[in-house]
């Protein structure tokens, strides 16, 4: 009997490692899907394929590659990559349900599965319901960002880091840091929603600029607080440095996009920059949301009171262990 225990532990560890890798792969392909979705939007290819779920009457997976030209290439590629994300999500949800002992994480996998189904249906309705196209496009774009954040959080929850007891933040600093992280994450999410409305409906420009200023202030304050008071905690320092770097890039991209769309300023190589700027702006926004979410989850976990019982970590404040 003693000889069998290590083998059992190794099998469990290997399964957990592959679940984490699958979650990371799902998040990565989802980011690619958001990129291609940006190409669809900014090239005006959203209705290049007039039918759904077929493609010009073909089964979506059997449509000839030779006919994928122009806008059809972008739109059909978006559908194919979306199908890959769907397959990965189904596999991840089933695998987590079978292998994962944490009940809350199993249900999070189910939530991801439901979200990807809804997202696929919204993509189809975008084609079928032309009269509600802008509204559906806004919801579709926002849900894509939320789903990406969800897959990133699942990759974090399935990592080795989340199975180990974290460094604790004690004293009066824990609560304010946790609230600041959550507020900054919420502001970035709200900015993404307003950005989707601006992209698809041409509305809320002033709100988008105001939120950009608020996000800049909060990220700056959050960066300063962590670098001053928690510089010894690499799990907080590293993501906040990434977040601050992404913010600087995002502000430059936003300025370029604003000048190209709302001013008479002529950008160099306008055919390329006019497409690259808004797409990169959207991708950077997604990365900012995911990075700030990781930071908020780590800060929240470190701020909770944790008790170790029989080798297991229990978080009585509702923080997933």
C-alpha atoms as a PDB file:
ATOM      1  CA  UNK A   1       0.000   0.000   0.000  1.00  0.00           C
ATOM      2  CA  UNK A   2       2.667   2.638   0.857  1.00  0.00           C
ATOM      3  CA  UNK A   3       4.305   2.065  -2.523  1.00  0.00           C
ATOM      4  CA  UNK A   4       1.091   2.952  -4.386  1.00  0.00           C
ATOM      5  CA  UNK A   5       0.573   6.352  -2.744  1.00  0.00           C
ATOM      6  CA  UNK A   6       3.312   8.270  -4.605  1.00  0.00           C
ATOM      7  CA  UNK A   7       2.058   6.991  -7.968  1.00  0.00           C
ATOM      8  CA  UNK A   8      -1.432   8.200  -7.109  1.00  0.00           C
ATOM      9  CA  UNK A   9      -0.092  11.607  -6.182  1.00  0.00           C
ATOM     10  CA  UNK A  10       1.889  11.821  -9.414  1.00  0.00           C
ATOM     11  CA  UNK A  11      -1.159  10.964 -11.521  1.00  0.00           C
ATOM     12  CA  UNK A  12      -3.243  13.612  -9.751  1.00  0.00           C
ATOM     13  CA  UNK A  13      -0.495  16.197 -10.228  1.00  0.00           C
ATOM     14  CA  UNK A  14      -0.135  15.358 -13.911  1.00  0.00           C
ATOM     15  CA  UNK A  15      -3.881  15.650 -14.483  1.00  0.00           C
ATOM     16  CA  UNK A  16      -3.935  19.028 -12.722  1.00  0.00           C
ATOM     17  CA  UNK A  17      -1.025  20.249 -14.818  1.00  0.00           C
ATOM     18  CA  UNK A  18      -2.773  19.343 -18.070  1.00  0.00           C
ATOM     19  CA  UNK A  19      -6.016  20.967 -16.947  1.00  0.00           C
ATOM     20  CA  UNK A  20      -4.048  24.150 -16.295  1.00  0.00           C
ATOM     21  CA  UNK A  21      -2.397  23.925 -19.709  1.00  0.00           C
ATOM     22  CA  UNK A  22      -5.769  23.448 -21.372  1.00  0.00           C
ATOM     23  CA  UNK A  23      -7.190  26.459 -19.516  1.00  0.00           C
ATOM     24  CA  UNK A  24      -4.190  28.538 -20.606  1.00  0.00           C
ATOM     25  CA  UNK A  25      -4.606  27.369 -24.210  1.00  0.00           C
ATOM     26  CA  UNK A  26      -8.320  28.251 -24.126  1.00  0.00           C
ATOM     27  CA  UNK A  27      -7.521  31.749 -22.888  1.00  0.00           C
ATOM     28  CA  UNK A  28      -4.825  32.189 -25.557  1.00  0.00           C
ATOM     29  CA  UNK A  29      -7.070  31.108 -28.432  1.00  0.00           C
ATOM     30  CA  UNK A  30      -9.833  33.341 -27.059  1.00  0.00           C
ATOM     31  CA  UNK A  31      -7.458  36.303 -27.295  1.00  0.00           C
ATOM     32  CA  UNK A  32      -6.747  35.376 -30.922  1.00  0.00           C
ATOM     33  CA  UNK A  33     -10.505  35.222 -31.493  1.00  0.00           C
ATOM     34  CA  UNK A  34     -10.903  38.757 -30.100  1.00  0.00           C
ATOM     35  CA  UNK A  35      -8.147  39.913 -32.465  1.00  0.00           C
ATOM     36  CA  UNK A  36      -9.840  38.368 -35.495  1.00  0.00           C
ATOM     37  CA  UNK A  37     -13.166  39.777 -34.297  1.00  0.00           C
ATOM     38  CA  UNK A  38     -11.534  43.209 -34.377  1.00  0.00           C
ATOM     39  CA  UNK A  39     -10.448  42.571 -37.964  1.00  0.00           C
ATOM     40  CA  UNK A  40     -14.033  41.640 -38.845  1.00  0.00           C
ATOM     41  CA  UNK A  41     -15.386  44.842 -37.282  1.00  0.00           C
ATOM     42  CA  UNK A  42     -12.782  47.263 -38.584  1.00  0.00           C
ATOM     43  CA  UNK A  43     -12.776  45.904 -42.135  1.00  0.00           C
ATOM     44  CA  UNK A  44     -16.580  46.004 -42.289  1.00  0.00           C
ATOM     45  CA  UNK A  45     -16.724  42.243 -42.856  1.00  0.00           C
ATOM     46  CA  UNK A  46     -19.367  41.416 -40.233  1.00  0.00           C
ATOM     47  CA  UNK A  47     -21.989  40.604 -42.888  1.00  0.00           C
ATOM     48  CA  UNK A  48     -19.640  39.283 -45.575  1.00  0.00           C
ATOM     49  CA  UNK A  49     -21.223  35.851 -45.034  1.00  0.00           C
ATOM     50  CA  UNK A  50     -25.018  36.343 -45.207  1.00  0.00           C
ATOM     51  CA  UNK A  51     -26.148  33.032 -43.666  1.00  0.00           C
ATOM     52  CA  UNK A  52     -25.647  31.170 -40.391  1.00  0.00           C
ATOM     53  CA  UNK A  53     -24.804  28.516 -39.198  1.00  0.00           C
ATOM     54  CA  UNK A  54     -23.947  27.608 -42.803  1.00  0.00           C
ATOM     55  CA  UNK A  55     -21.525  29.570 -44.980  1.00  0.00           C
ATOM     56  CA  UNK A  56     -23.063  30.325 -48.388  1.00  0.00           C
ATOM     57  CA  UNK A  57     -25.018  27.089 -47.991  1.00  0.00           C
ATOM     58  CA  UNK A  58     -21.953  25.005 -47.126  1.00  0.00           C
ATOM     59  CA  UNK A  59     -21.358  23.249 -43.850  1.00  0.00           C
ATOM     60  CA  UNK A  60     -19.158  25.740 -42.031  1.00  0.00           C
ATOM     61  CA  UNK A  61     -16.272  23.292 -41.702  1.00  0.00           C
ATOM     62  CA  UNK A  62     -16.447  22.233 -45.368  1.00  0.00           C
ATOM     63  CA  UNK A  63     -16.413  25.674 -46.981  1.00  0.00           C
ATOM     64  CA  UNK A  64     -13.657  25.713 -49.660  1.00  0.00           C
ATOM     65  CA  UNK A  65     -10.510  27.576 -48.647  1.00  0.00           C
ATOM     66  CA  UNK A  66     -10.183  28.872 -52.210  1.00  0.00           C
ATOM     67  CA  UNK A  67     -13.338  30.951 -51.752  1.00  0.00           C
ATOM     68  CA  UNK A  68     -12.139  32.605 -48.548  1.00  0.00           C
ATOM     69  CA  UNK A  69     -11.181  35.968 -50.028  1.00  0.00           C
ATOM     70  CA  UNK A  70     -11.751  39.552 -48.944  1.00  0.00           C
ATOM     71  CA  UNK A  71     -14.258  40.035 -46.150  1.00  0.00           C
ATOM     72  CA  UNK A  72     -15.306  36.382 -46.343  1.00  0.00           C
ATOM     73  CA  UNK A  73     -11.805  35.412 -45.199  1.00  0.00           C
ATOM     74  CA  UNK A  74     -12.085  37.488 -42.014  1.00  0.00           C
ATOM     75  CA  UNK A  75     -15.673  36.530 -41.176  1.00  0.00           C
ATOM     76  CA  UNK A  76     -15.303  32.819 -41.896  1.00  0.00           C
ATOM     77  CA  UNK A  77     -11.967  32.659 -40.051  1.00  0.00           C
ATOM     78  CA  UNK A  78     -13.737  34.246 -37.088  1.00  0.00           C
ATOM     79  CA  UNK A  79     -16.350  31.488 -37.165  1.00  0.00           C
ATOM     80  CA  UNK A  80     -13.762  28.720 -37.399  1.00  0.00           C
ATOM     81  CA  UNK A  81     -11.656  30.068 -34.529  1.00  0.00           C
ATOM     82  CA  UNK A  82     -14.850  30.549 -32.508  1.00  0.00           C
ATOM     83  CA  UNK A  83     -15.617  26.869 -33.056  1.00  0.00           C
ATOM     84  CA  UNK A  84     -12.133  25.958 -31.799  1.00  0.00           C
ATOM     85  CA  UNK A  85     -12.730  28.049 -28.660  1.00  0.00           C
ATOM     86  CA  UNK A  86     -16.065  26.266 -28.199  1.00  0.00           C
ATOM     87  CA  UNK A  87     -14.470  22.814 -28.468  1.00  0.00           C
ATOM     88  CA  UNK A  88     -11.693  23.780 -26.059  1.00  0.00           C
ATOM     89  CA  UNK A  89     -14.225  25.166 -23.567  1.00  0.00           C
ATOM     90  CA  UNK A  90     -16.369  22.026 -23.694  1.00  0.00           C
ATOM     91  CA  UNK A  91     -13.279  19.868 -23.156  1.00  0.00           C
ATOM     92  CA  UNK A  92     -12.090  22.073 -20.300  1.00  0.00           C
ATOM     93  CA  UNK A  93     -15.484  22.105 -18.567  1.00  0.00           C
ATOM     94  CA  UNK A  94     -15.844  18.319 -18.773  1.00  0.00           C
ATOM     95  CA  UNK A  95     -12.261  17.689 -17.656  1.00  0.00           C
ATOM     96  CA  UNK A  96     -12.602  20.037 -14.684  1.00  0.00           C
ATOM     97  CA  UNK A  97     -15.905  18.435 -13.704  1.00  0.00           C
ATOM     98  CA  UNK A  98     -14.274  14.995 -13.679  1.00  0.00           C
ATOM     99  CA  UNK A  99     -10.869  15.789 -12.176  1.00  0.00           C
ATOM    100  CA  UNK A 100     -11.341  18.877 -10.029  1.00  0.00           C
ATOM    101  CA  UNK A 101     -12.189  18.364  -6.318  1.00  0.00           C
ATOM    102  CA  UNK A 102     -13.093  22.031  -5.786  1.00  0.00           C
ATOM    103  CA  UNK A 103     -16.830  22.303  -6.319  1.00  0.00           C
ATOM    104  CA  UNK A 104     -16.853  26.042  -7.004  1.00  0.00           C
ATOM    105  CA  UNK A 105     -14.314  25.562  -9.808  1.00  0.00           C
ATOM    106  CA  UNK A 106     -16.404  22.808 -11.396  1.00  0.00           C
ATOM    107  CA  UNK A 107     -19.369  25.195 -11.550  1.00  0.00           C
ATOM    108  CA  UNK A 108     -17.120  27.924 -12.920  1.00  0.00           C
ATOM    109  CA  UNK A 109     -16.334  25.554 -15.777  1.00  0.00           C
ATOM    110  CA  UNK A 110     -20.071  25.104 -16.366  1.00  0.00           C
ATOM    111  CA  UNK A 111     -20.464  28.904 -16.407  1.00  0.00           C
ATOM    112  CA  UNK A 112     -17.726  29.148 -19.046  1.00  0.00           C
ATOM    113  CA  UNK A 113     -19.505  26.512 -21.118  1.00  0.00           C
ATOM    114  CA  UNK A 114     -22.805  28.405 -20.922  1.00  0.00           C
ATOM    115  CA  UNK A 115     -21.056  31.662 -21.821  1.00  0.00           C
ATOM    116  CA  UNK A 116     -19.422  30.244 -24.945  1.00  0.00           C
ATOM    117  CA  UNK A 117     -22.773  28.820 -26.101  1.00  0.00           C
ATOM    118  CA  UNK A 118     -24.468  32.191 -25.631  1.00  0.00           C
ATOM    119  CA  UNK A 119     -21.586  33.910 -27.416  1.00  0.00           C
ATOM    120  CA  UNK A 120     -21.914  31.604 -30.409  1.00  0.00           C
ATOM    121  CA  UNK A 121     -25.658  32.255 -30.599  1.00  0.00           C
ATOM    122  CA  UNK A 122     -25.088  36.012 -30.424  1.00  0.00           C
ATOM    123  CA  UNK A 123     -22.644  35.746 -33.308  1.00  0.00           C
ATOM    124  CA  UNK A 124     -25.285  33.979 -35.374  1.00  0.00           C
ATOM    125  CA  UNK A 125     -28.029  36.435 -34.423  1.00  0.00           C
ATOM    126  CA  UNK A 126     -25.729  39.267 -35.512  1.00  0.00           C
ATOM    127  CA  UNK A 127     -26.055  37.884 -39.038  1.00  0.00           C
ATOM    128  CA  UNK A 128     -29.737  36.921 -38.948  1.00  0.00           C
ATOM    129  CA  UNK A 129     -31.267  39.909 -37.112  1.00  0.00           C
ATOM    130  CA  UNK A 130     -29.985  42.791 -39.212  1.00  0.00           C
ATOM    131  CA  UNK A 131     -32.278  45.349 -37.539  1.00  0.00           C
ATOM    132  CA  UNK A 132     -30.670  44.714 -34.135  1.00  0.00           C
ATOM    133  CA  UNK A 133     -27.155  44.285 -35.504  1.00  0.00           C
ATOM    134  CA  UNK A 134     -25.492  47.147 -33.597  1.00  0.00           C
ATOM    135  CA  UNK A 135     -27.027  46.182 -30.245  1.00  0.00           C
ATOM    136  CA  UNK A 136     -26.079  42.527 -30.661  1.00  0.00           C
ATOM    137  CA  UNK A 137     -22.570  43.501 -31.772  1.00  0.00           C
ATOM    138  CA  UNK A 138     -22.082  45.541 -28.593  1.00  0.00           C
ATOM    139  CA  UNK A 139     -23.259  42.679 -26.372  1.00  0.00           C
ATOM    140  CA  UNK A 140     -21.199  40.190 -28.406  1.00  0.00           C
ATOM    141  CA  UNK A 141     -18.054  42.280 -28.047  1.00  0.00           C
ATOM    142  CA  UNK A 142     -18.496  42.849 -24.303  1.00  0.00           C
ATOM    143  CA  UNK A 143     -19.216  39.182 -23.624  1.00  0.00           C
ATOM    144  CA  UNK A 144     -16.083  38.233 -25.582  1.00  0.00           C
ATOM    145  CA  UNK A 145     -13.979  40.345 -23.233  1.00  0.00           C
ATOM    146  CA  UNK A 146     -15.749  38.936 -20.162  1.00  0.00           C
ATOM    147  CA  UNK A 147     -15.259  35.383 -21.416  1.00  0.00           C
ATOM    148  CA  UNK A 148     -11.553  36.024 -21.972  1.00  0.00           C
ATOM    149  CA  UNK A 149     -11.257  37.312 -18.397  1.00  0.00           C
ATOM    150  CA  UNK A 150     -13.103  34.206 -17.180  1.00  0.00           C
ATOM    151  CA  UNK A 151     -10.744  31.843 -19.009  1.00  0.00           C
ATOM    152  CA  UNK A 152      -7.741  33.715 -17.623  1.00  0.00           C
ATOM    153  CA  UNK A 153      -9.118  33.365 -14.088  1.00  0.00           C
ATOM    154  CA  UNK A 154      -9.658  29.634 -14.670  1.00  0.00           C
ATOM    155  CA  UNK A 155      -6.045  29.301 -15.802  1.00  0.00           C
ATOM    156  CA  UNK A 156      -5.025  31.020 -12.558  1.00  0.00           C
ATOM    157  CA  UNK A 157      -7.291  28.839 -10.391  1.00  0.00           C
ATOM    158  CA  UNK A 158      -5.925  25.631 -11.947  1.00  0.00           C
ATOM    159  CA  UNK A 159      -2.294  26.706 -11.561  1.00  0.00           C
ATOM    160  CA  UNK A 160       0.071  25.379  -8.908  1.00  0.00           C
ATOM    161  CA  UNK A 161       0.069  28.840  -7.312  1.00  0.00           C
ATOM    162  CA  UNK A 162      -3.590  28.530  -6.299  1.00  0.00           C
ATOM    163  CA  UNK A 163      -2.971  25.216  -4.544  1.00  0.00           C
ATOM    164  CA  UNK A 164      -0.345  26.696  -2.257  1.00  0.00           C
ATOM    165  CA  UNK A 165      -0.853  28.962   0.713  1.00  0.00           C
ATOM    166  CA  UNK A 166      -0.103  32.564  -0.328  1.00  0.00           C
ATOM    167  CA  UNK A 167       1.841  35.242   1.474  1.00  0.00           C
ATOM    168  CA  UNK A 168      -0.569  37.122   3.700  1.00  0.00           C
ATOM    169  CA  UNK A 169      -1.268  40.854   3.799  1.00  0.00           C
ATOM    170  CA  UNK A 170      -1.936  41.742   7.403  1.00  0.00           C
ATOM    171  CA  UNK A 171      -3.022  44.851   9.234  1.00  0.00           C
ATOM    172  CA  UNK A 172      -5.021  47.790   7.940  1.00  0.00           C
ATOM    173  CA  UNK A 173      -3.472  47.589   4.454  1.00  0.00           C
ATOM    174  CA  UNK A 174      -5.331  44.457   3.350  1.00  0.00           C
ATOM    175  CA  UNK A 175      -8.820  45.916   2.976  1.00  0.00           C
ATOM    176  CA  UNK A 176      -7.897  49.125   1.073  1.00  0.00           C
ATOM    177  CA  UNK A 177      -5.657  47.252  -1.361  1.00  0.00           C
ATOM    178  CA  UNK A 178      -8.368  44.697  -2.090  1.00  0.00           C
ATOM    179  CA  UNK A 179     -10.967  47.431  -2.671  1.00  0.00           C
ATOM    180  CA  UNK A 180      -8.624  49.431  -4.894  1.00  0.00           C
ATOM    181  CA  UNK A 181      -7.895  46.367  -7.043  1.00  0.00           C
ATOM    182  CA  UNK A 182     -11.594  45.562  -7.415  1.00  0.00           C
ATOM    183  CA  UNK A 183     -12.503  49.177  -8.218  1.00  0.00           C
ATOM    184  CA  UNK A 184      -9.764  49.441 -10.854  1.00  0.00           C
ATOM    185  CA  UNK A 185     -10.881  46.174 -12.445  1.00  0.00           C
ATOM    186  CA  UNK A 186     -14.470  47.426 -12.508  1.00  0.00           C
ATOM    187  CA  UNK A 187     -13.454  50.707 -14.139  1.00  0.00           C
ATOM    188  CA  UNK A 188     -11.504  48.878 -16.854  1.00  0.00           C
ATOM    189  CA  UNK A 189     -14.515  46.617 -17.497  1.00  0.00           C
ATOM    190  CA  UNK A 190     -16.819  49.659 -17.710  1.00  0.00           C
ATOM    191  CA  UNK A 191     -14.386  51.355 -20.081  1.00  0.00           C
ATOM    192  CA  UNK A 192     -14.488  48.297 -22.338  1.00  0.00           C
ATOM    193  CA  UNK A 193     -18.306  48.411 -22.404  1.00  0.00           C
ATOM    194  CA  UNK A 194     -18.326  52.123 -23.267  1.00  0.00           C
ATOM    195  CA  UNK A 195     -15.653  51.468 -25.892  1.00  0.00           C
ATOM    196  CA  UNK A 196     -17.859  48.828 -27.510  1.00  0.00           C
ATOM    197  CA  UNK A 197     -20.747  51.306 -27.664  1.00  0.00           C
ATOM    198  CA  UNK A 198     -18.423  53.893 -29.221  1.00  0.00           C
ATOM    199  CA  UNK A 199     -17.110  51.401 -31.768  1.00  0.00           C
ATOM    200  CA  UNK A 200     -20.448  50.032 -32.940  1.00  0.00           C
ATOM    201  CA  UNK A 201     -22.819  52.967 -32.356  1.00  0.00           C
ATOM    202  CA  UNK A 202     -20.534  56.004 -32.406  1.00  0.00           C
ATOM    203  CA  UNK A 203     -21.841  57.142 -28.988  1.00  0.00           C
ATOM    204  CA  UNK A 204     -20.384  58.006 -25.556  1.00  0.00           C
ATOM    205  CA  UNK A 205     -17.081  59.489 -26.744  1.00  0.00           C
ATOM    206  CA  UNK A 206     -16.920  61.911 -23.791  1.00  0.00           C
ATOM    207  CA  UNK A 207     -17.691  59.069 -21.351  1.00  0.00           C
ATOM    208  CA  UNK A 208     -14.911  57.014 -22.940  1.00  0.00           C
ATOM    209  CA  UNK A 209     -12.408  59.859 -22.487  1.00  0.00           C
ATOM    210  CA  UNK A 210     -13.524  60.458 -18.891  1.00  0.00           C
ATOM    211  CA  UNK A 211     -13.189  56.787 -18.016  1.00  0.00           C
ATOM    212  CA  UNK A 212      -9.743  56.730 -19.633  1.00  0.00           C
ATOM    213  CA  UNK A 213      -8.694  59.453 -17.194  1.00  0.00           C
ATOM    214  CA  UNK A 214     -10.216  57.599 -14.221  1.00  0.00           C
ATOM    215  CA  UNK A 215      -8.540  54.318 -15.190  1.00  0.00           C
ATOM    216  CA  UNK A 216      -5.207  56.148 -15.546  1.00  0.00           C
ATOM    217  CA  UNK A 217      -5.550  57.652 -12.070  1.00  0.00           C
ATOM    218  CA  UNK A 218      -6.550  54.365 -10.423  1.00  0.00           C
ATOM    219  CA  UNK A 219      -3.846  52.303 -12.125  1.00  0.00           C
ATOM    220  CA  UNK A 220      -1.264  54.910 -11.116  1.00  0.00           C
ATOM    221  CA  UNK A 221      -2.442  54.906  -7.488  1.00  0.00           C
ATOM    222  CA  UNK A 222      -2.552  51.097  -7.426  1.00  0.00           C
ATOM    223  CA  UNK A 223       0.948  50.856  -8.894  1.00  0.00           C
ATOM    224  CA  UNK A 224       2.337  53.339  -6.383  1.00  0.00           C
ATOM    225  CA  UNK A 225       0.683  51.586  -3.427  1.00  0.00           C
ATOM    226  CA  UNK A 226       1.989  48.138  -4.344  1.00  0.00           C
ATOM    227  CA  UNK A 227       5.511  49.307  -5.194  1.00  0.00           C
ATOM    228  CA  UNK A 228       5.737  51.287  -1.948  1.00  0.00           C
ATOM    229  CA  UNK A 229       4.137  48.877   0.501  1.00  0.00           C
ATOM    230  CA  UNK A 230       4.321  45.397  -1.052  1.00  0.00           C
ATOM    231  CA  UNK A 231       7.519  45.418  -3.077  1.00  0.00           C
ATOM    232  CA  UNK A 232       8.514  42.132  -1.446  1.00  0.00           C
ATOM    233  CA  UNK A 233       5.507  40.291  -2.954  1.00  0.00           C
ATOM    234  CA  UNK A 234       6.431  39.426  -6.527  1.00  0.00           C
ATOM    235  CA  UNK A 235       2.979  38.008  -7.296  1.00  0.00           C
ATOM    236  CA  UNK A 236       1.599  41.518  -6.846  1.00  0.00           C
ATOM    237  CA  UNK A 237       4.525  43.550  -8.157  1.00  0.00           C
ATOM    238  CA  UNK A 238       4.921  41.771 -11.485  1.00  0.00           C
ATOM    239  CA  UNK A 239       1.293  42.078 -12.677  1.00  0.00           C
ATOM    240  CA  UNK A 240       1.027  45.711 -11.579  1.00  0.00           C
ATOM    241  CA  UNK A 241       4.147  46.575 -13.603  1.00  0.00           C
ATOM    242  CA  UNK A 242       2.611  44.792 -16.601  1.00  0.00           C
ATOM    243  CA  UNK A 243      -0.659  46.656 -15.995  1.00  0.00           C
ATOM    244  CA  UNK A 244       1.090  50.019 -15.871  1.00  0.00           C
ATOM    245  CA  UNK A 245       3.010  49.231 -19.074  1.00  0.00           C
ATOM    246  CA  UNK A 246      -0.187  48.189 -20.840  1.00  0.00           C
ATOM    247  CA  UNK A 247      -1.836  51.436 -19.695  1.00  0.00           C
ATOM    248  CA  UNK A 248       0.929  53.532 -21.267  1.00  0.00           C
ATOM    249  CA  UNK A 249       0.597  51.594 -24.514  1.00  0.00           C
ATOM    250  CA  UNK A 250      -3.201  51.868 -24.380  1.00  0.00           C
ATOM    251  CA  UNK A 251      -3.105  55.645 -23.987  1.00  0.00           C
ATOM    252  CA  UNK A 252      -0.859  55.971 -27.034  1.00  0.00           C
ATOM    253  CA  UNK A 253      -3.078  53.648 -29.065  1.00  0.00           C
ATOM    254  CA  UNK A 254      -6.181  55.507 -27.926  1.00  0.00           C
ATOM    255  CA  UNK A 255      -4.665  58.835 -28.947  1.00  0.00           C
ATOM    256  CA  UNK A 256      -3.797  57.469 -32.362  1.00  0.00           C
ATOM    257  CA  UNK A 257      -7.261  55.964 -32.823  1.00  0.00           C
ATOM    258  CA  UNK A 258      -8.893  59.238 -31.745  1.00  0.00           C
ATOM    259  CA  UNK A 259      -6.806  61.278 -34.184  1.00  0.00           C
ATOM    260  CA  UNK A 260      -7.552  58.888 -37.038  1.00  0.00           C
ATOM    261  CA  UNK A 261     -11.307  58.682 -36.437  1.00  0.00           C
ATOM    262  CA  UNK A 262     -12.415  61.976 -34.904  1.00  0.00           C
ATOM    263  CA  UNK A 263      -9.862  64.478 -36.225  1.00  0.00           C
ATOM    264  CA  UNK A 264      -8.797  65.564 -39.692  1.00  0.00           C
ATOM    265  CA  UNK A 265      -5.244  64.458 -38.917  1.00  0.00           C
ATOM    266  CA  UNK A 266      -3.967  62.090 -41.605  1.00  0.00           C
ATOM    267  CA  UNK A 267      -2.107  59.135 -40.161  1.00  0.00           C
ATOM    268  CA  UNK A 268       0.956  57.805 -41.991  1.00  0.00           C
ATOM    269  CA  UNK A 269       0.241  54.646 -43.979  1.00  0.00           C
ATOM    270  CA  UNK A 270      -3.428  55.212 -43.179  1.00  0.00           C
ATOM    271  CA  UNK A 271      -4.607  51.916 -44.683  1.00  0.00           C
ATOM    272  CA  UNK A 272      -2.445  49.970 -42.244  1.00  0.00           C
ATOM    273  CA  UNK A 273      -2.495  52.210 -39.176  1.00  0.00           C
ATOM    274  CA  UNK A 274      -6.236  52.857 -39.491  1.00  0.00           C
ATOM    275  CA  UNK A 275      -6.763  49.123 -39.080  1.00  0.00           C
ATOM    276  CA  UNK A 276      -3.938  48.281 -36.680  1.00  0.00           C
ATOM    277  CA  UNK A 277      -4.584  51.018 -34.111  1.00  0.00           C
ATOM    278  CA  UNK A 278      -8.184  50.163 -33.103  1.00  0.00           C
ATOM    279  CA  UNK A 279      -7.538  46.419 -33.173  1.00  0.00           C
ATOM    280  CA  UNK A 280      -4.422  46.694 -31.004  1.00  0.00           C
ATOM    281  CA  UNK A 281      -6.363  49.094 -28.763  1.00  0.00           C
ATOM    282  CA  UNK A 282      -9.039  46.417 -28.258  1.00  0.00           C
ATOM    283  CA  UNK A 283      -6.488  43.663 -27.568  1.00  0.00           C
ATOM    284  CA  UNK A 284      -4.598  45.827 -25.093  1.00  0.00           C
ATOM    285  CA  UNK A 285      -7.864  46.579 -23.289  1.00  0.00           C
ATOM    286  CA  UNK A 286      -8.526  42.852 -22.958  1.00  0.00           C
ATOM    287  CA  UNK A 287      -5.028  42.282 -21.573  1.00  0.00           C
ATOM    288  CA  UNK A 288      -5.469  45.138 -19.095  1.00  0.00           C
ATOM    289  CA  UNK A 289      -8.733  43.635 -17.845  1.00  0.00           C
ATOM    290  CA  UNK A 290      -7.185  40.171 -17.458  1.00  0.00           C
ATOM    291  CA  UNK A 291      -4.054  41.498 -15.744  1.00  0.00           C
ATOM    292  CA  UNK A 292      -6.016  43.656 -13.298  1.00  0.00           C
ATOM    293  CA  UNK A 293      -8.351  40.741 -12.581  1.00  0.00           C
ATOM    294  CA  UNK A 294      -5.378  38.508 -11.737  1.00  0.00           C
ATOM    295  CA  UNK A 295      -4.047  41.233  -9.465  1.00  0.00           C
ATOM    296  CA  UNK A 296      -7.439  41.630  -7.764  1.00  0.00           C
ATOM    297  CA  UNK A 297      -7.788  37.880  -7.207  1.00  0.00           C
ATOM    298  CA  UNK A 298      -4.297  37.605  -5.742  1.00  0.00           C
ATOM    299  CA  UNK A 299      -4.814  40.610  -3.477  1.00  0.00           C
ATOM    300  CA  UNK A 300      -8.202  39.304  -2.349  1.00  0.00           C
ATOM    301  CA  UNK A 301      -6.762  35.906  -1.520  1.00  0.00           C
ATOM    302  CA  UNK A 302      -3.828  37.351   0.374  1.00  0.00           C
ATOM    303  CA  UNK A 303      -6.094  39.647   2.367  1.00  0.00           C
ATOM    304  CA  UNK A 304      -8.358  36.823   3.556  1.00  0.00           C
ATOM    305  CA  UNK A 305      -7.865  35.062   6.844  1.00  0.00           C
ATOM    306  CA  UNK A 306      -6.645  31.585   5.991  1.00  0.00           C
ATOM    307  CA  UNK A 307      -6.555  28.571   8.269  1.00  0.00           C
ATOM    308  CA  UNK A 308      -4.632  25.372   7.604  1.00  0.00           C
ATOM    309  CA  UNK A 309      -6.362  22.186   8.706  1.00  0.00           C
ATOM    310  CA  UNK A 310      -4.885  18.738   8.053  1.00  0.00           C
ATOM    311  CA  UNK A 311      -2.809  19.979   5.158  1.00  0.00           C
ATOM    312  CA  UNK A 312      -5.728  21.767   3.440  1.00  0.00           C
ATOM    313  CA  UNK A 313      -6.198  25.507   3.028  1.00  0.00           C
ATOM    314  CA  UNK A 314      -9.632  26.788   4.053  1.00  0.00           C
ATOM    315  CA  UNK A 315     -10.710  30.364   3.356  1.00  0.00           C
ATOM    316  CA  UNK A 316     -13.591  31.198   5.700  1.00  0.00           C
ATOM    317  CA  UNK A 317     -14.257  34.589   4.080  1.00  0.00           C
ATOM    318  CA  UNK A 318     -15.456  32.977   0.871  1.00  0.00           C
ATOM    319  CA  UNK A 319     -12.136  33.206  -0.934  1.00  0.00           C
ATOM    320  CA  UNK A 320     -11.571  30.123  -3.133  1.00  0.00           C
ATOM    321  CA  UNK A 321      -8.674  28.111  -1.786  1.00  0.00           C
END
